[in-house]
Every structure is written in structure tokens, then in C-alpha cells.
Amino acid sequence: MAGIIDNWDFKCPVCGKHEFKEYDSYNECPVCGWMDSAYQVRHPDETGFNPISLNEARESYKATGDAYAFYSVQDNSSDDNSSEK
């Protein structure tokens, strides 16, 4: 459904500072880093295109200015079989 409403601008649901030019564009907000996803706007407590929920991103942005600051990738360092030489 991307691009159905082409004449409107849609503010980032996380920071509210950037306007996406298309609805459900899957573009990244240059201010906070959120990837535009209509599904997550409708379901703000679920993950989807973004690895964290919209509500988690909002909390993170409010505290740090970055939608993903509280998101951490699972540490896989124990899987690293390389050794320093």
C-alpha cells in the first residue's frame, strides 16, 4: 500500500520532526533512525519491520534522541572461534 496517499506528508511516529513523503514508505527517519512502518503505527507494542516496538523506540528517543539507543543486539562473542595472532 505504499504510495497510496501521495499528497500528504506523514510525521515520524517516534520523533515527530521528520515528514515522510509517502505513507508506509519503509524509509529511515534521518532524525531518529526509525524505519517508517504503518503496521507498527497500528500495533505500537509489536515488532515488525523494526526490531523494536514503536513504543520502545519512543521511550528510547525521549531519553536519548535515538530510537535504537535501548536496543542491543544479542552478544554472540562466545560463538567467535577466531583467536588473536
Protein backbone atom coordinates (compact mmCIF):
# COMPACT_ATOMS: atom_id res chain seq x y z
CA MET A 1 0.00 0.00 0.00
CA ALA A 2 3.00 2.29 -0.10
CA GLY A 3 2.32 5.44 -2.03
CA ILE A 4 -1.49 5.32 -1.98
CA ILE A 5 -1.75 8.75 -0.36
CA ASP A 6 0.98 10.64 -2.19
CA ASN A 7 -0.17 14.20 -1.50
CA TRP A 8 0.19 14.09 2.29
CA ASP A 9 3.24 14.22 4.49
CA PHE A 10 3.44 11.85 7.43
CA LYS A 11 5.40 12.83 10.53
CA CYS A 12 7.73 10.30 12.07
CA PRO A 13 5.78 8.49 14.82
CA VAL A 14 8.87 8.44 17.04
CA CYS A 15 10.38 11.94 16.95
CA GLY A 16 7.67 13.88 15.08
CA LYS A 17 10.36 16.01 13.43
CA HIS A 18 10.75 14.38 10.01
CA GLU A 19 7.97 14.13 7.43
CA PHE A 20 7.86 11.03 5.26
CA LYS A 21 6.65 11.81 1.74
CA GLU A 22 4.74 8.53 1.37
CA TYR A 23 2.58 6.53 3.73
CA ASP A 24 4.19 3.25 4.82
CA SER A 25 7.34 4.10 2.87
CA TYR A 26 9.83 1.96 4.85
CA ASN A 27 12.23 4.92 4.64
CA GLU A 28 14.50 5.80 7.54
CA CYS A 29 13.93 8.94 9.57
CA PRO A 30 17.14 10.99 9.36
CA VAL A 31 16.47 12.48 12.80
CA CYS A 32 15.94 9.40 14.99
CA GLY A 33 16.62 6.38 12.77
CA TRP A 34 13.10 4.87 12.82
CA MET A 35 12.08 2.96 9.69
CA ASP A 36 8.57 4.04 8.62
CA SER A 37 6.12 1.15 9.08
CA ALA A 38 2.33 1.53 9.05
CA TYR A 39 1.95 -1.89 10.68
CA GLN A 40 3.88 -0.73 13.73
CA VAL A 41 1.90 2.51 13.90
CA ARG A 42 -1.27 0.38 14.10
CA HIS A 43 0.38 -2.08 16.53
CA PRO A 44 2.76 0.07 18.63
CA ASP A 45 3.69 -2.70 21.08
CA GLU A 46 4.76 -5.18 18.39
CA THR A 47 7.93 -5.54 16.39
CA GLY A 48 7.78 -5.74 12.63
CA PHE A 49 9.97 -4.06 10.05
CA ASN A 50 11.85 -2.52 13.00
CA PRO A 51 13.42 -4.91 15.54
CA ILE A 52 11.86 -2.98 18.44
CA SER A 53 8.29 -1.80 19.01
CA LEU A 54 7.19 1.75 18.29
CA ASN A 55 6.58 2.38 21.98
CA GLU A 56 10.09 1.15 22.85
CA ALA A 57 11.53 3.43 20.17
CA ARG A 58 9.56 6.39 21.53
CA GLU A 59 10.88 5.77 25.06
CA SER A 60 14.42 5.46 23.74
CA TYR A 61 14.14 8.62 21.65
CA LYS A 62 12.66 10.60 24.53
CA ALA A 63 15.57 9.61 26.78
CA THR A 64 18.47 9.70 24.31
CA GLY A 65 17.47 11.26 20.97
CA ASP A 66 17.97 7.90 19.22
CA ALA A 67 15.16 5.45 18.50
CA TYR A 68 17.50 2.48 18.86
CA ALA A 69 19.65 3.53 21.82
CA PHE A 70 18.00 0.98 24.13
CA TYR A 71 18.12 -1.79 21.52
CA SER A 72 21.05 -4.14 21.86
CA VAL A 73 21.93 -7.00 19.58
CA GLN A 74 22.46 -10.26 21.41
CA ASP A 75 26.14 -10.72 22.16
CA ASN A 76 27.48 -13.59 20.06
CA SER A 77 31.11 -13.22 21.12
CA SER A 78 31.10 -16.72 22.61
CA ASP A 79 30.46 -18.02 19.07
CA ASP A 80 33.64 -16.36 17.81
CA ASN A 81 36.15 -19.12 17.12
CA SER A 82 38.87 -16.79 15.92
CA SER A 83 41.92 -16.14 18.01
CA GLU A 84 44.22 -13.15 18.15
CA LYS A 85 47.56 -13.62 16.44
